[in-house]
Amino acid sequence: MASKYAFAKPLKELRFHLCQTSASSTSLRSFLQRAYPVMKKHNPYIPILIREAQGVSPQVIARFEYGKEVKLPLDGVTDKELETTIEKLVMTTP
């Protein structure tokens, strides 16, 4: 479990946008409760930001070197699919 949350070197920031109450953000909320401590432990110098706002669709935004950003919508994604999506995103180099 430790190695799957070790981010690629070009990753500079990871942002999660979600709603505190909506059903579409449920899997993202549970994923963050479970995985955030492990991600932060293995990547102490990379900012992992969690932005909560009423009525927003869940999404993740990864910022890489030279300001390149990749945004993925997470609406309707299951917990297992979410984990796979995040793993692929943090290990890619755009």
PDB file of N, CA and C in Angstrom:
ATOM      1  N   MET A   1       0.823  -1.201   0.000  1.00  0.00           N
ATOM      2  CA  MET A   1       0.000   0.000   0.000  1.00  0.00           C
ATOM      3  C   MET A   1       0.860   1.255   0.000  1.00  0.00           C
ATOM      4  N   ALA A   2       2.043   1.175   0.550  1.00  0.00           N
ATOM      5  CA  ALA A   2       2.884   2.354   0.653  1.00  0.00           C
ATOM      6  C   ALA A   2       3.339   2.854  -0.701  1.00  0.00           C
ATOM      7  N   SER A   3       3.738   1.972  -1.585  1.00  0.00           N
ATOM      8  CA  SER A   3       4.307   2.396  -2.860  1.00  0.00           C
ATOM      9  C   SER A   3       3.270   2.993  -3.813  1.00  0.00           C
ATOM     10  N   LYS A   4       2.023   2.609  -3.702  1.00  0.00           N
ATOM     11  CA  LYS A   4       1.037   3.136  -4.643  1.00  0.00           C
ATOM     12  C   LYS A   4       0.699   4.598  -4.381  1.00  0.00           C
ATOM     13  N   TYR A   5       1.064   5.121  -3.211  1.00  0.00           N
ATOM     14  CA  TYR A   5       0.835   6.532  -2.915  1.00  0.00           C
ATOM     15  C   TYR A   5       2.115   7.349  -2.938  1.00  0.00           C
ATOM     16  N   ALA A   6       3.204   6.801  -3.450  1.00  0.00           N
ATOM     17  CA  ALA A   6       4.431   7.564  -3.646  1.00  0.00           C
ATOM     18  C   ALA A   6       4.304   8.263  -5.004  1.00  0.00           C
ATOM     19  N   PHE A   7       4.234   9.576  -4.979  1.00  0.00           N
ATOM     20  CA  PHE A   7       3.942  10.343  -6.190  1.00  0.00           C
ATOM     21  C   PHE A   7       5.161  10.446  -7.094  1.00  0.00           C
ATOM     22  N   ALA A   8       4.909  10.669  -8.379  1.00  0.00           N
ATOM     23  CA  ALA A   8       5.976  10.892  -9.354  1.00  0.00           C
ATOM     24  C   ALA A   8       6.646  12.235  -9.072  1.00  0.00           C
ATOM     25  N   LYS A   9       7.904  12.333  -9.389  1.00  0.00           N
ATOM     26  CA  LYS A   9       8.674  13.535  -9.109  1.00  0.00           C
ATOM     27  C   LYS A   9       8.120  14.807  -9.753  1.00  0.00           C
ATOM     28  N   PRO A  10       7.613  14.768 -10.981  1.00  0.00           N
ATOM     29  CA  PRO A  10       7.104  16.009 -11.596  1.00  0.00           C
ATOM     30  C   PRO A  10       5.833  16.562 -10.934  1.00  0.00           C
ATOM     31  N   LEU A  11       5.151  15.790 -10.101  1.00  0.00           N
ATOM     32  CA  LEU A  11       3.926  16.272  -9.456  1.00  0.00           C
ATOM     33  C   LEU A  11       4.281  17.321  -8.404  1.00  0.00           C
ATOM     34  N   LYS A  12       3.635  18.480  -8.487  1.00  0.00           N
ATOM     35  CA  LYS A  12       3.922  19.582  -7.569  1.00  0.00           C
ATOM     36  C   LYS A  12       2.780  19.858  -6.585  1.00  0.00           C
ATOM     37  N   GLU A  13       1.551  19.472  -6.950  1.00  0.00           N
ATOM     38  CA  GLU A  13       0.404  19.758  -6.079  1.00  0.00           C
ATOM     39  C   GLU A  13      -0.760  18.871  -6.488  1.00  0.00           C
ATOM     40  N   LEU A  14      -1.547  18.455  -5.509  1.00  0.00           N
ATOM     41  CA  LEU A  14      -2.732  17.643  -5.763  1.00  0.00           C
ATOM     42  C   LEU A  14      -3.904  18.290  -5.030  1.00  0.00           C
ATOM     43  N   ARG A  15      -4.967  18.624  -5.785  1.00  0.00           N
ATOM     44  CA  ARG A  15      -6.143  19.288  -5.199  1.00  0.00           C
ATOM     45  C   ARG A  15      -7.381  18.433  -5.409  1.00  0.00           C
ATOM     46  N   PHE A  16      -8.160  18.305  -4.361  1.00  0.00           N
ATOM     47  CA  PHE A  16      -9.439  17.609  -4.430  1.00  0.00           C
ATOM     48  C   PHE A  16     -10.544  18.626  -4.180  1.00  0.00           C
ATOM     49  N   HIS A  17     -11.546  18.670  -5.059  1.00  0.00           N
ATOM     50  CA  HIS A  17     -12.723  19.522  -4.879  1.00  0.00           C
ATOM     51  C   HIS A  17     -13.905  18.597  -4.632  1.00  0.00           C
ATOM     52  N   LEU A  18     -14.682  18.882  -3.588  1.00  0.00           N
ATOM     53  CA  LEU A  18     -15.828  18.047  -3.275  1.00  0.00           C
ATOM     54  C   LEU A  18     -16.871  18.824  -2.485  1.00  0.00           C
ATOM     55  N   CYS A  19     -18.058  18.255  -2.411  1.00  0.00           N
ATOM     56  CA  CYS A  19     -19.157  18.807  -1.627  1.00  0.00           C
ATOM     57  C   CYS A  19     -19.237  18.033  -0.313  1.00  0.00           C
ATOM     58  N   GLN A  20     -19.508  18.723   0.780  1.00  0.00           N
ATOM     59  CA  GLN A  20     -19.578  18.078   2.087  1.00  0.00           C
ATOM     60  C   GLN A  20     -20.791  17.176   2.252  1.00  0.00           C
ATOM     61  N   THR A  21     -21.856  17.422   1.485  1.00  0.00           N
ATOM     62  CA  THR A  21     -23.110  16.720   1.741  1.00  0.00           C
ATOM     63  C   THR A  21     -23.654  15.918   0.566  1.00  0.00           C
ATOM     64  N   SER A  22     -23.212  16.182  -0.645  1.00  0.00           N
ATOM     65  CA  SER A  22     -23.839  15.531  -1.795  1.00  0.00           C
ATOM     66  C   SER A  22     -23.471  14.055  -1.904  1.00  0.00           C
ATOM     67  N   ALA A  23     -24.371  13.298  -2.495  1.00  0.00           N
ATOM     68  CA  ALA A  23     -24.140  11.860  -2.685  1.00  0.00           C
ATOM     69  C   ALA A  23     -23.047  11.597  -3.708  1.00  0.00           C
ATOM     70  N   SER A  24     -22.869  12.509  -4.656  1.00  0.00           N
ATOM     71  CA  SER A  24     -21.847  12.303  -5.688  1.00  0.00           C
ATOM     72  C   SER A  24     -20.430  12.384  -5.126  1.00  0.00           C
ATOM     73  N   SER A  25     -20.252  13.025  -3.974  1.00  0.00           N
ATOM     74  CA  SER A  25     -18.932  13.153  -3.356  1.00  0.00           C
ATOM     75  C   SER A  25     -18.672  12.101  -2.273  1.00  0.00           C
ATOM     76  N   THR A  26     -19.607  11.200  -2.046  1.00  0.00           N
ATOM     77  CA  THR A  26     -19.466  10.224  -0.967  1.00  0.00           C
ATOM     78  C   THR A  26     -18.219   9.368  -1.102  1.00  0.00           C
ATOM     79  N   SER A  27     -17.971   8.830  -2.286  1.00  0.00           N
ATOM     80  CA  SER A  27     -16.799   7.961  -2.454  1.00  0.00           C
ATOM     81  C   SER A  27     -15.501   8.748  -2.301  1.00  0.00           C
ATOM     82  N   LEU A  28     -15.461   9.988  -2.753  1.00  0.00           N
ATOM     83  CA  LEU A  28     -14.259  10.804  -2.587  1.00  0.00           C
ATOM     84  C   LEU A  28     -14.015  11.125  -1.120  1.00  0.00           C
ATOM     85  N   ARG A  29     -15.075  11.430  -0.380  1.00  0.00           N
ATOM     86  CA  ARG A  29     -14.915  11.694   1.055  1.00  0.00           C
ATOM     87  C   ARG A  29     -14.362  10.479   1.784  1.00  0.00           C
ATOM     88  N   SER A  30     -14.889   9.296   1.497  1.00  0.00           N
ATOM     89  CA  SER A  30     -14.406   8.086   2.171  1.00  0.00           C
ATOM     90  C   SER A  30     -12.974   7.763   1.743  1.00  0.00           C
ATOM     91  N   PHE A  31     -12.655   7.975   0.467  1.00  0.00           N
ATOM     92  CA  PHE A  31     -11.285   7.754  -0.002  1.00  0.00           C
ATOM     93  C   PHE A  31     -10.306   8.663   0.726  1.00  0.00           C
ATOM     94  N   LEU A  32     -10.652   9.943   0.858  1.00  0.00           N
ATOM     95  CA  LEU A  32      -9.750  10.888   1.511  1.00  0.00           C
ATOM     96  C   LEU A  32      -9.570  10.575   2.989  1.00  0.00           C
ATOM     97  N   GLN A  33     -10.635  10.160   3.657  1.00  0.00           N
ATOM     98  CA  GLN A  33     -10.507   9.788   5.070  1.00  0.00           C
ATOM     99  C   GLN A  33      -9.553   8.612   5.249  1.00  0.00           C
ATOM    100  N   ARG A  34      -9.581   7.706   4.307  1.00  0.00           N
ATOM    101  CA  ARG A  34      -8.753   6.510   4.393  1.00  0.00           C
ATOM    102  C   ARG A  34      -7.337   6.755   3.878  1.00  0.00           C
ATOM    103  N   ALA A  35      -7.185   7.451   2.759  1.00  0.00           N
ATOM    104  CA  ALA A  35      -5.905   7.514   2.065  1.00  0.00           C
ATOM    105  C   ALA A  35      -5.085   8.775   2.329  1.00  0.00           C
ATOM    106  N   TYR A  36      -5.705   9.855   2.769  1.00  0.00           N
ATOM    107  CA  TYR A  36      -4.945  11.097   2.965  1.00  0.00           C
ATOM    108  C   TYR A  36      -3.749  10.931   3.906  1.00  0.00           C
ATOM    109  N   PRO A  37      -3.912  10.322   5.077  1.00  0.00           N
ATOM    110  CA  PRO A  37      -2.741  10.190   5.967  1.00  0.00           C
ATOM    111  C   PRO A  37      -1.578   9.420   5.323  1.00  0.00           C
ATOM    112  N   VAL A  38      -1.900   8.391   4.558  1.00  0.00           N
ATOM    113  CA  VAL A  38      -0.850   7.598   3.910  1.00  0.00           C
ATOM    114  C   VAL A  38      -0.184   8.419   2.802  1.00  0.00           C
ATOM    115  N   MET A  39      -0.986   9.119   1.995  1.00  0.00           N
ATOM    116  CA  MET A  39      -0.421   9.945   0.929  1.00  0.00           C
ATOM    117  C   MET A  39       0.500  11.013   1.510  1.00  0.00           C
ATOM    118  N   LYS A  40       0.063  11.664   2.580  1.00  0.00           N
ATOM    119  CA  LYS A  40       0.855  12.740   3.174  1.00  0.00           C
ATOM    120  C   LYS A  40       2.126  12.199   3.820  1.00  0.00           C
ATOM    121  N   LYS A  41       2.038  11.032   4.410  1.00  0.00           N
ATOM    122  CA  LYS A  41       3.211  10.420   5.044  1.00  0.00           C
ATOM    123  C   LYS A  41       4.299  10.123   4.013  1.00  0.00           C
ATOM    124  N   HIS A  42       3.914   9.638   2.847  1.00  0.00           N
ATOM    125  CA  HIS A  42       4.881   9.266   1.821  1.00  0.00           C
ATOM    126  C   HIS A  42       5.277  10.424   0.912  1.00  0.00           C
ATOM    127  N   ASN A  43       4.575  11.547   1.021  1.00  0.00           N
ATOM    128  CA  ASN A  43       4.858  12.722   0.190  1.00  0.00           C
ATOM    129  C   ASN A  43       4.772  13.988   1.041  1.00  0.00           C
ATOM    130  N   PRO A  44       5.639  14.132   2.046  1.00  0.00           N
ATOM    131  CA  PRO A  44       5.489  15.240   2.996  1.00  0.00           C
ATOM    132  C   PRO A  44       5.698  16.628   2.402  1.00  0.00           C
ATOM    133  N   TYR A  45       6.400  16.740   1.272  1.00  0.00           N
ATOM    134  CA  TYR A  45       6.701  18.053   0.715  1.00  0.00           C
ATOM    135  C   TYR A  45       5.792  18.450  -0.447  1.00  0.00           C
ATOM    136  N   ILE A  46       4.844  17.596  -0.793  1.00  0.00           N
ATOM    137  CA  ILE A  46       3.898  17.919  -1.868  1.00  0.00           C
ATOM    138  C   ILE A  46       2.575  18.353  -1.238  1.00  0.00           C
ATOM    139  N   PRO A  47       2.102  19.553  -1.557  1.00  0.00           N
ATOM    140  CA  PRO A  47       0.816  19.992  -1.007  1.00  0.00           C
ATOM    141  C   PRO A  47      -0.337  19.129  -1.530  1.00  0.00           C
ATOM    142  N   ILE A  48      -1.147  18.631  -0.604  1.00  0.00           N
ATOM    143  CA  ILE A  48      -2.371  17.906  -0.944  1.00  0.00           C
ATOM    144  C   ILE A  48      -3.512  18.738  -0.376  1.00  0.00           C
ATOM    145  N   LEU A  49      -4.241  19.396  -1.246  1.00  0.00           N
ATOM    146  CA  LEU A  49      -5.266  20.342  -0.833  1.00  0.00           C
ATOM    147  C   LEU A  49      -6.651  19.735  -0.980  1.00  0.00           C
ATOM    148  N   ILE A  50      -7.498  19.986   0.004  1.00  0.00           N
ATOM    149  CA  ILE A  50      -8.887  19.513  -0.024  1.00  0.00           C
ATOM    150  C   ILE A  50      -9.773  20.747   0.052  1.00  0.00           C
ATOM    151  N   ARG A  51     -10.522  20.982  -1.006  1.00  0.00           N
ATOM    152  CA  ARG A  51     -11.399  22.145  -1.093  1.00  0.00           C
ATOM    153  C   ARG A  51     -12.846  21.683  -1.046  1.00  0.00           C
ATOM    154  N   GLU A  52     -13.550  22.091   0.000  1.00  0.00           N
ATOM    155  CA  GLU A  52     -14.961  21.732   0.145  1.00  0.00           C
ATOM    156  C   GLU A  52     -15.820  22.954  -0.160  1.00  0.00           C
ATOM    157  N   ALA A  53     -16.845  22.741  -0.973  1.00  0.00           N
ATOM    158  CA  ALA A  53     -17.776  23.809  -1.307  1.00  0.00           C
ATOM    159  C   ALA A  53     -19.136  23.184  -1.589  1.00  0.00           C
ATOM    160  N   GLN A  54     -20.170  23.878  -1.201  1.00  0.00           N
ATOM    161  CA  GLN A  54     -21.525  23.386  -1.363  1.00  0.00           C
ATOM    162  C   GLN A  54     -21.902  23.273  -2.829  1.00  0.00           C
ATOM    163  N   GLY A  55     -22.341  22.089  -3.243  1.00  0.00           N
ATOM    164  CA  GLY A  55     -22.873  21.885  -4.577  1.00  0.00           C
ATOM    165  C   GLY A  55     -21.869  21.685  -5.698  1.00  0.00           C
ATOM    166  N   VAL A  56     -20.591  21.559  -5.398  1.00  0.00           N
ATOM    167  CA  VAL A  56     -19.610  21.347  -6.477  1.00  0.00           C
ATOM    168  C   VAL A  56     -19.524  19.866  -6.834  1.00  0.00           C
ATOM    169  N   SER A  57     -19.150  19.597  -8.055  1.00  0.00           N
ATOM    170  CA  SER A  57     -18.944  18.223  -8.502  1.00  0.00           C
ATOM    171  C   SER A  57     -17.562  17.768  -8.045  1.00  0.00           C
ATOM    172  N   PRO A  58     -17.426  16.517  -7.632  1.00  0.00           N
ATOM    173  CA  PRO A  58     -16.118  16.047  -7.188  1.00  0.00           C
ATOM    174  C   PRO A  58     -15.139  15.963  -8.356  1.00  0.00           C
ATOM    175  N   GLN A  59     -13.921  16.425  -8.100  1.00  0.00           N
ATOM    176  CA  GLN A  59     -12.887  16.369  -9.118  1.00  0.00           C
ATOM    177  C   GLN A  59     -11.521  16.413  -8.454  1.00  0.00           C
ATOM    178  N   VAL A  60     -10.519  15.983  -9.175  1.00  0.00           N
ATOM    179  CA  VAL A  60      -9.138  16.061  -8.706  1.00  0.00           C
ATOM    180  C   VAL A  60      -8.344  16.822  -9.759  1.00  0.00           C
ATOM    181  N   ILE A  61      -7.445  17.670  -9.287  1.00  0.00           N
ATOM    182  CA  ILE A  61      -6.596  18.455 -10.165  1.00  0.00           C
ATOM    183  C   ILE A  61      -5.151  18.224  -9.735  1.00  0.00           C
ATOM    184  N   ALA A  62      -4.343  17.793 -10.664  1.00  0.00           N
ATOM    185  CA  ALA A  62      -2.921  17.581 -10.403  1.00  0.00           C
ATOM    186  C   ALA A  62      -2.132  18.647 -11.148  1.00  0.00           C
ATOM    187  N   ARG A  63      -1.251  19.322 -10.417  1.00  0.00           N
ATOM    188  CA  ARG A  63      -0.389  20.329 -11.044  1.00  0.00           C
ATOM    189  C   ARG A  63       1.021  19.759 -11.132  1.00  0.00           C
ATOM    190  N   PHE A  64       1.578  19.800 -12.328  1.00  0.00           N
ATOM    191  CA  PHE A  64       2.894  19.238 -12.588  1.00  0.00           C
ATOM    192  C   PHE A  64       3.890  20.365 -12.859  1.00  0.00           C
ATOM    193  N   GLU A  65       5.114  19.990 -13.172  1.00  0.00           N
ATOM    194  CA  GLU A  65       6.139  20.979 -13.502  1.00  0.00           C
ATOM    195  C   GLU A  65       5.678  21.882 -14.632  1.00  0.00           C
ATOM    196  N   TYR A  66       6.198  23.096 -14.625  1.00  0.00           N
ATOM    197  CA  TYR A  66       5.929  24.096 -15.661  1.00  0.00           C
ATOM    198  C   TYR A  66       4.457  24.500 -15.730  1.00  0.00           C
ATOM    199  N   GLY A  67       3.715  24.334 -14.645  1.00  0.00           N
ATOM    200  CA  GLY A  67       2.333  24.789 -14.575  1.00  0.00           C
ATOM    201  C   GLY A  67       1.318  23.932 -15.300  1.00  0.00           C
ATOM    202  N   LYS A  68       1.710  22.786 -15.785  1.00  0.00           N
ATOM    203  CA  LYS A  68       0.780  21.888 -16.494  1.00  0.00           C
ATOM    204  C   LYS A  68      -0.190  21.285 -15.481  1.00  0.00           C
ATOM    205  N   GLU A  69      -1.498  21.391 -15.765  1.00  0.00           N
ATOM    206  CA  GLU A  69      -2.523  20.834 -14.876  1.00  0.00           C
ATOM    207  C   GLU A  69      -3.370  19.805 -15.606  1.00  0.00           C
ATOM    208  N   VAL A  70      -3.734  18.769 -14.870  1.00  0.00           N
ATOM    209  CA  VAL A  70      -4.627  17.737 -15.382  1.00  0.00           C
ATOM    210  C   VAL A  70      -5.819  17.674 -14.432  1.00  0.00           C
ATOM    211  N   LYS A  71      -7.027  17.835 -14.981  1.00  0.00           N
ATOM    212  CA  LYS A  71      -8.254  17.845 -14.190  1.00  0.00           C
ATOM    213  C   LYS A  71      -9.100  16.638 -14.582  1.00  0.00           C
ATOM    214  N   LEU A  72      -9.522  15.864 -13.579  1.00  0.00           N
ATOM    215  CA  LEU A  72     -10.361  14.696 -13.833  1.00  0.00           C
ATOM    216  C   LEU A  72     -11.646  14.790 -13.021  1.00  0.00           C
ATOM    217  N   PRO A  73     -12.797  14.677 -13.660  1.00  0.00           N
ATOM    218  CA  PRO A  73     -14.057  14.642 -12.911  1.00  0.00           C
ATOM    219  C   PRO A  73     -14.202  13.288 -12.219  1.00  0.00           C
ATOM    220  N   LEU A  74     -14.749  13.293 -11.016  1.00  0.00           N
ATOM    221  CA  LEU A  74     -14.915  12.066 -10.240  1.00  0.00           C
ATOM    222  C   LEU A  74     -16.375  11.799  -9.898  1.00  0.00           C
ATOM    223  N   ASP A  75     -17.275  12.381 -10.654  1.00  0.00           N
ATOM    224  CA  ASP A  75     -18.706  12.221 -10.411  1.00  0.00           C
ATOM    225  C   ASP A  75     -19.151  10.804 -10.773  1.00  0.00           C
ATOM    226  N   GLY A  76     -19.738  10.088  -9.834  1.00  0.00           N
ATOM    227  CA  GLY A  76     -20.254   8.747 -10.080  1.00  0.00           C
ATOM    228  C   GLY A  76     -19.194   7.655 -10.078  1.00  0.00           C
ATOM    229  N   VAL A  77     -18.015   7.953  -9.579  1.00  0.00           N
ATOM    230  CA  VAL A  77     -16.931   6.976  -9.549  1.00  0.00           C
ATOM    231  C   VAL A  77     -16.980   6.212  -8.219  1.00  0.00           C
ATOM    232  N   THR A  78     -16.825   4.891  -8.284  1.00  0.00           N
ATOM    233  CA  THR A  78     -16.812   4.092  -7.063  1.00  0.00           C
ATOM    234  C   THR A  78     -15.484   4.261  -6.341  1.00  0.00           C
ATOM    235  N   ASP A  79     -15.435   3.792  -5.111  1.00  0.00           N
ATOM    236  CA  ASP A  79     -14.230   3.922  -4.298  1.00  0.00           C
ATOM    237  C   ASP A  79     -13.037   3.219  -4.949  1.00  0.00           C
ATOM    238  N   LYS A  80     -13.230   2.029  -5.460  1.00  0.00           N
ATOM    239  CA  LYS A  80     -12.143   1.274  -6.095  1.00  0.00           C
ATOM    240  C   LYS A  80     -11.681   1.957  -7.385  1.00  0.00           C
ATOM    241  N   GLU A  81     -12.619   2.426  -8.206  1.00  0.00           N
ATOM    242  CA  GLU A  81     -12.265   3.149  -9.429  1.00  0.00           C
ATOM    243  C   GLU A  81     -11.529   4.444  -9.101  1.00  0.00           C
ATOM    244  N   LEU A  82     -11.948   5.080  -8.030  1.00  0.00           N
ATOM    245  CA  LEU A  82     -11.324   6.323  -7.594  1.00  0.00           C
ATOM    246  C   LEU A  82      -9.862   6.083  -7.217  1.00  0.00           C
ATOM    247  N   GLU A  83      -9.611   5.033  -6.481  1.00  0.00           N
ATOM    248  CA  GLU A  83      -8.246   4.705  -6.079  1.00  0.00           C
ATOM    249  C   GLU A  83      -7.364   4.450  -7.302  1.00  0.00           C
ATOM    250  N   THR A  84      -7.862   3.703  -8.263  1.00  0.00           N
ATOM    251  CA  THR A  84      -7.120   3.417  -9.485  1.00  0.00           C
ATOM    252  C   THR A  84      -6.862   4.702 -10.278  1.00  0.00           C
ATOM    253  N   THR A  85      -7.864   5.561 -10.377  1.00  0.00           N
ATOM    254  CA  THR A  85      -7.730   6.831 -11.100  1.00  0.00           C
ATOM    255  C   THR A  85      -6.665   7.709 -10.475  1.00  0.00           C
ATOM    256  N   ILE A  86      -6.678   7.829  -9.148  1.00  0.00           N
ATOM    257  CA  ILE A  86      -5.702   8.670  -8.456  1.00  0.00           C
ATOM    258  C   ILE A  86      -4.294   8.097  -8.620  1.00  0.00           C
ATOM    259  N   GLU A  87      -4.162   6.794  -8.495  1.00  0.00           N
ATOM    260  CA  GLU A  87      -2.849   6.154  -8.676  1.00  0.00           C
ATOM    261  C   GLU A  87      -2.264   6.466 -10.048  1.00  0.00           C
ATOM    262  N   LYS A  88      -3.079   6.321 -11.092  1.00  0.00           N
ATOM    263  CA  LYS A  88      -2.608   6.592 -12.450  1.00  0.00           C
ATOM    264  C   LYS A  88      -2.251   8.066 -12.622  1.00  0.00           C
ATOM    265  N   LEU A  89      -3.060   8.951 -12.051  1.00  0.00           N
ATOM    266  CA  LEU A  89      -2.839  10.387 -12.200  1.00  0.00           C
ATOM    267  C   LEU A  89      -1.530  10.821 -11.554  1.00  0.00           C
ATOM    268  N   VAL A  90      -1.240  10.376 -10.347  1.00  0.00           N
ATOM    269  CA  VAL A  90      -0.056  10.840  -9.643  1.00  0.00           C
ATOM    270  C   VAL A  90       1.232  10.213 -10.165  1.00  0.00           C
ATOM    271  N   MET A  91       1.114   9.152 -10.945  1.00  0.00           N
ATOM    272  CA  MET A  91       2.303   8.514 -11.491  1.00  0.00           C
ATOM    273  C   MET A  91       2.586   8.914 -12.933  1.00  0.00           C
ATOM    274  N   THR A  92       1.712   9.721 -13.538  1.00  0.00           N
ATOM    275  CA  THR A  92       1.902  10.131 -14.931  1.00  0.00           C
ATOM    276  C   THR A  92       2.798  11.355 -15.023  1.00  0.00           C
ATOM    277  N   THR A  93       3.313  11.568 -16.180  1.00  0.00           N
ATOM    278  CA  THR A  93       4.062  12.782 -16.494  1.00  0.00           C
ATOM    279  C   THR A  93       3.430  13.369 -17.753  1.00  0.00           C
ATOM    280  N   PRO A  94       2.742  14.497 -17.616  1.00  0.00           N
ATOM    281  CA  PRO A  94       2.037  15.052 -18.779  1.00  0.00           C
ATOM    282  C   PRO A  94       2.976  15.552 -19.862  1.00  0.00           C
TER     283      PRO A  94
END
